[in-house]
Amino acid sequence: MSHDDQTLEDAKRVLREDYWSSVRSFAEEIEQEVKDGRIKTEDDLTERLDETVDGSYWVAYPHATLQVLCWTEHDDAIEEVYGSELEIGDGGITGLYTQIAYFAMRADIQSYISSKHH
């Protein structure tokens, strides 16, 4: 592997770990809130997941949104909500990417929480 290829692979590894570190951190915060009794119902959990992802760096900035799309394990999670017929709305392609990233990250967090309980 050339030096340039190694540098690129190292950069991708760092970016991927940055994303997954955030997913783990968000999931662990939510798990702690469940243990502490601050999250009591499925509706509470859904609301907390929505607040966490919506307020995150990862869906607030277009460059970060694209990173979510690179590293997520759930790039199709939006289809559960909107089906497979997604359209570009008023937000243009950036808005569509943001929506896809939002649901993908939400699913990554949910999956991480679920994997620790099975």
C-alpha atoms as a PDB file:
ATOM      1  CA  MET A   1       0.000   0.000   0.000  1.00  0.00           C
ATOM      2  CA  SER A   2       1.370   3.389  -0.954  1.00  0.00           C
ATOM      3  CA  HIS A   3       1.874   6.166   1.572  1.00  0.00           C
ATOM      4  CA  ASP A   4      -1.084   8.099   0.087  1.00  0.00           C
ATOM      5  CA  ASP A   5      -3.327   5.050   0.280  1.00  0.00           C
ATOM      6  CA  GLN A   6      -2.301   4.457   3.892  1.00  0.00           C
ATOM      7  CA  THR A   7      -2.973   8.093   4.759  1.00  0.00           C
ATOM      8  CA  LEU A   8      -6.437   7.841   3.200  1.00  0.00           C
ATOM      9  CA  GLU A   9      -7.203   4.617   5.075  1.00  0.00           C
ATOM     10  CA  ASP A  10      -6.028   6.168   8.353  1.00  0.00           C
ATOM     11  CA  ALA A  11      -8.250   9.206   7.781  1.00  0.00           C
ATOM     12  CA  LYS A  12     -11.266   7.001   7.014  1.00  0.00           C
ATOM     13  CA  ARG A  13     -10.621   4.965  10.156  1.00  0.00           C
ATOM     14  CA  VAL A  14     -10.504   8.126  12.298  1.00  0.00           C
ATOM     15  CA  LEU A  15     -13.703   9.513  10.766  1.00  0.00           C
ATOM     16  CA  ARG A  16     -15.535   6.190  11.143  1.00  0.00           C
ATOM     17  CA  GLU A  17     -14.456   5.889  14.777  1.00  0.00           C
ATOM     18  CA  ASP A  18     -15.539   9.475  15.462  1.00  0.00           C
ATOM     19  CA  TYR A  19     -19.046   8.690  14.231  1.00  0.00           C
ATOM     20  CA  TRP A  20     -19.340   5.378  16.097  1.00  0.00           C
ATOM     21  CA  SER A  21     -17.940   6.941  19.260  1.00  0.00           C
ATOM     22  CA  SER A  22     -20.799   9.444  19.129  1.00  0.00           C
ATOM     23  CA  VAL A  23     -23.335   6.670  18.538  1.00  0.00           C
ATOM     24  CA  ARG A  24     -22.015   4.735  21.563  1.00  0.00           C
ATOM     25  CA  SER A  25     -21.963   7.854  23.723  1.00  0.00           C
ATOM     26  CA  PHE A  26     -25.534   8.811  22.829  1.00  0.00           C
ATOM     27  CA  ALA A  27     -26.723   5.237  23.396  1.00  0.00           C
ATOM     28  CA  GLU A  28     -25.014   5.018  26.779  1.00  0.00           C
ATOM     29  CA  GLU A  29     -26.532   8.345  27.884  1.00  0.00           C
ATOM     30  CA  ILE A  30     -29.981   7.090  26.935  1.00  0.00           C
ATOM     31  CA  GLU A  31     -29.409   3.748  28.662  1.00  0.00           C
ATOM     32  CA  GLN A  32     -28.421   5.577  31.840  1.00  0.00           C
ATOM     33  CA  GLU A  33     -31.591   7.661  31.687  1.00  0.00           C
ATOM     34  CA  VAL A  34     -33.622   4.451  31.399  1.00  0.00           C
ATOM     35  CA  LYS A  35     -31.815   2.981  34.427  1.00  0.00           C
ATOM     36  CA  ASP A  36     -32.336   6.200  36.399  1.00  0.00           C
ATOM     37  CA  GLY A  37     -36.059   6.157  35.611  1.00  0.00           C
ATOM     38  CA  ARG A  38     -36.025   9.366  33.580  1.00  0.00           C
ATOM     39  CA  ILE A  39     -37.154   7.398  30.529  1.00  0.00           C
ATOM     40  CA  LYS A  40     -40.129   5.263  31.505  1.00  0.00           C
ATOM     41  CA  THR A  41     -42.097   4.476  28.360  1.00  0.00           C
ATOM     42  CA  GLU A  42     -41.516   3.700  24.698  1.00  0.00           C
ATOM     43  CA  ASP A  43     -42.845   7.174  23.917  1.00  0.00           C
ATOM     44  CA  ASP A  44     -40.249   8.678  26.279  1.00  0.00           C
ATOM     45  CA  LEU A  45     -37.550   6.656  24.541  1.00  0.00           C
ATOM     46  CA  THR A  46     -38.726   7.720  21.082  1.00  0.00           C
ATOM     47  CA  GLU A  47     -38.783  11.363  22.159  1.00  0.00           C
ATOM     48  CA  ARG A  48     -35.287  11.120  23.652  1.00  0.00           C
ATOM     49  CA  LEU A  49     -33.898   9.453  20.527  1.00  0.00           C
ATOM     50  CA  ASP A  50     -35.446  12.160  18.361  1.00  0.00           C
ATOM     51  CA  GLU A  51     -34.046  14.950  20.549  1.00  0.00           C
ATOM     52  CA  THR A  52     -30.599  13.362  20.631  1.00  0.00           C
ATOM     53  CA  VAL A  53     -30.252  12.902  16.894  1.00  0.00           C
ATOM     54  CA  ASP A  54     -32.012  16.136  15.921  1.00  0.00           C
ATOM     55  CA  GLY A  55     -29.715  18.177  18.144  1.00  0.00           C
ATOM     56  CA  SER A  56     -26.534  16.441  17.100  1.00  0.00           C
ATOM     57  CA  TYR A  57     -23.644  17.756  15.053  1.00  0.00           C
ATOM     58  CA  TRP A  58     -24.152  14.789  12.726  1.00  0.00           C
ATOM     59  CA  VAL A  59     -27.395  16.072  11.210  1.00  0.00           C
ATOM     60  CA  ALA A  60     -26.790  19.796  11.694  1.00  0.00           C
ATOM     61  CA  TYR A  61     -23.969  20.151   9.157  1.00  0.00           C
ATOM     62  CA  PRO A  62     -23.986  18.873   5.574  1.00  0.00           C
ATOM     63  CA  HIS A  63     -20.394  17.589   5.729  1.00  0.00           C
ATOM     64  CA  ALA A  64     -21.215  15.602   8.871  1.00  0.00           C
ATOM     65  CA  THR A  65     -24.431  14.303   7.330  1.00  0.00           C
ATOM     66  CA  LEU A  66     -22.401  12.802   4.509  1.00  0.00           C
ATOM     67  CA  GLN A  67     -20.153  11.102   7.067  1.00  0.00           C
ATOM     68  CA  VAL A  68     -23.212   9.481   8.656  1.00  0.00           C
ATOM     69  CA  LEU A  69     -24.136   8.139   5.229  1.00  0.00           C
ATOM     70  CA  CYS A  70     -20.616   6.724   4.836  1.00  0.00           C
ATOM     71  CA  TRP A  71     -20.425   4.954   8.197  1.00  0.00           C
ATOM     72  CA  THR A  72     -23.983   3.991   9.167  1.00  0.00           C
ATOM     73  CA  GLU A  73     -25.190   0.413   9.192  1.00  0.00           C
ATOM     74  CA  HIS A  74     -28.764   1.598   8.574  1.00  0.00           C
ATOM     75  CA  ASP A  75     -28.744   3.766   5.464  1.00  0.00           C
ATOM     76  CA  ASP A  76     -32.174   2.370   4.567  1.00  0.00           C
ATOM     77  CA  ALA A  77     -33.860   3.195   7.895  1.00  0.00           C
ATOM     78  CA  ILE A  78     -35.788   6.081   6.360  1.00  0.00           C
ATOM     79  CA  GLU A  79     -37.709   3.596   4.206  1.00  0.00           C
ATOM     80  CA  GLU A  80     -39.509   2.340   7.321  1.00  0.00           C
ATOM     81  CA  VAL A  81     -41.031   5.806   7.664  1.00  0.00           C
ATOM     82  CA  TYR A  82     -41.427   7.028   4.084  1.00  0.00           C
ATOM     83  CA  GLY A  83     -41.253   3.856   2.006  1.00  0.00           C
ATOM     84  CA  SER A  84     -38.943   3.470  -0.941  1.00  0.00           C
ATOM     85  CA  GLU A  85     -40.394   6.377  -2.929  1.00  0.00           C
ATOM     86  CA  LEU A  86     -38.334   9.236  -1.488  1.00  0.00           C
ATOM     87  CA  GLU A  87     -38.553  12.593  -3.200  1.00  0.00           C
ATOM     88  CA  ILE A  88     -36.337  15.633  -3.103  1.00  0.00           C
ATOM     89  CA  GLY A  89     -38.363  18.297  -1.340  1.00  0.00           C
ATOM     90  CA  ASP A  90     -37.860  21.978  -0.635  1.00  0.00           C
ATOM     91  CA  GLY A  91     -34.535  21.275   1.098  1.00  0.00           C
ATOM     92  CA  GLY A  92     -33.041  19.908  -2.095  1.00  0.00           C
ATOM     93  CA  ILE A  93     -30.594  17.044  -2.111  1.00  0.00           C
ATOM     94  CA  THR A  94     -28.962  18.325   1.087  1.00  0.00           C
ATOM     95  CA  GLY A  95     -32.297  18.129   2.881  1.00  0.00           C
ATOM     96  CA  LEU A  96     -32.848  14.603   1.614  1.00  0.00           C
ATOM     97  CA  TYR A  97     -29.384  13.530   2.777  1.00  0.00           C
ATOM     98  CA  THR A  98     -30.104  15.083   6.163  1.00  0.00           C
ATOM     99  CA  GLN A  99     -33.337  13.110   6.500  1.00  0.00           C
ATOM    100  CA  ILE A 100     -31.641   9.869   5.495  1.00  0.00           C
ATOM    101  CA  ALA A 101     -28.796  10.538   7.948  1.00  0.00           C
ATOM    102  CA  TYR A 102     -31.261  11.389  10.737  1.00  0.00           C
ATOM    103  CA  PHE A 103     -33.100   8.085  10.500  1.00  0.00           C
ATOM    104  CA  ALA A 104     -29.876   6.146   9.930  1.00  0.00           C
ATOM    105  CA  MET A 105     -28.187   7.528  13.031  1.00  0.00           C
ATOM    106  CA  ARG A 106     -31.341   7.008  15.063  1.00  0.00           C
ATOM    107  CA  ALA A 107     -31.364   3.359  13.963  1.00  0.00           C
ATOM    108  CA  ASP A 108     -27.643   2.986  14.733  1.00  0.00           C
ATOM    109  CA  ILE A 109     -28.261   4.208  18.297  1.00  0.00           C
ATOM    110  CA  GLN A 110     -31.280   1.934  18.718  1.00  0.00           C
ATOM    111  CA  SER A 111     -29.328  -1.012  17.350  1.00  0.00           C
ATOM    112  CA  TYR A 112     -26.431  -0.355  19.727  1.00  0.00           C
ATOM    113  CA  ILE A 113     -28.809  -0.250  22.703  1.00  0.00           C
ATOM    114  CA  SER A 114     -30.587  -3.423  21.549  1.00  0.00           C
ATOM    115  CA  SER A 115     -27.323  -5.297  20.994  1.00  0.00           C
ATOM    116  CA  LYS A 116     -26.315  -4.735  24.613  1.00  0.00           C
ATOM    117  CA  HIS A 117     -29.561  -6.257  25.866  1.00  0.00           C
ATOM    118  CA  HIS A 118     -29.576  -9.452  23.794  1.00  0.00           C
END
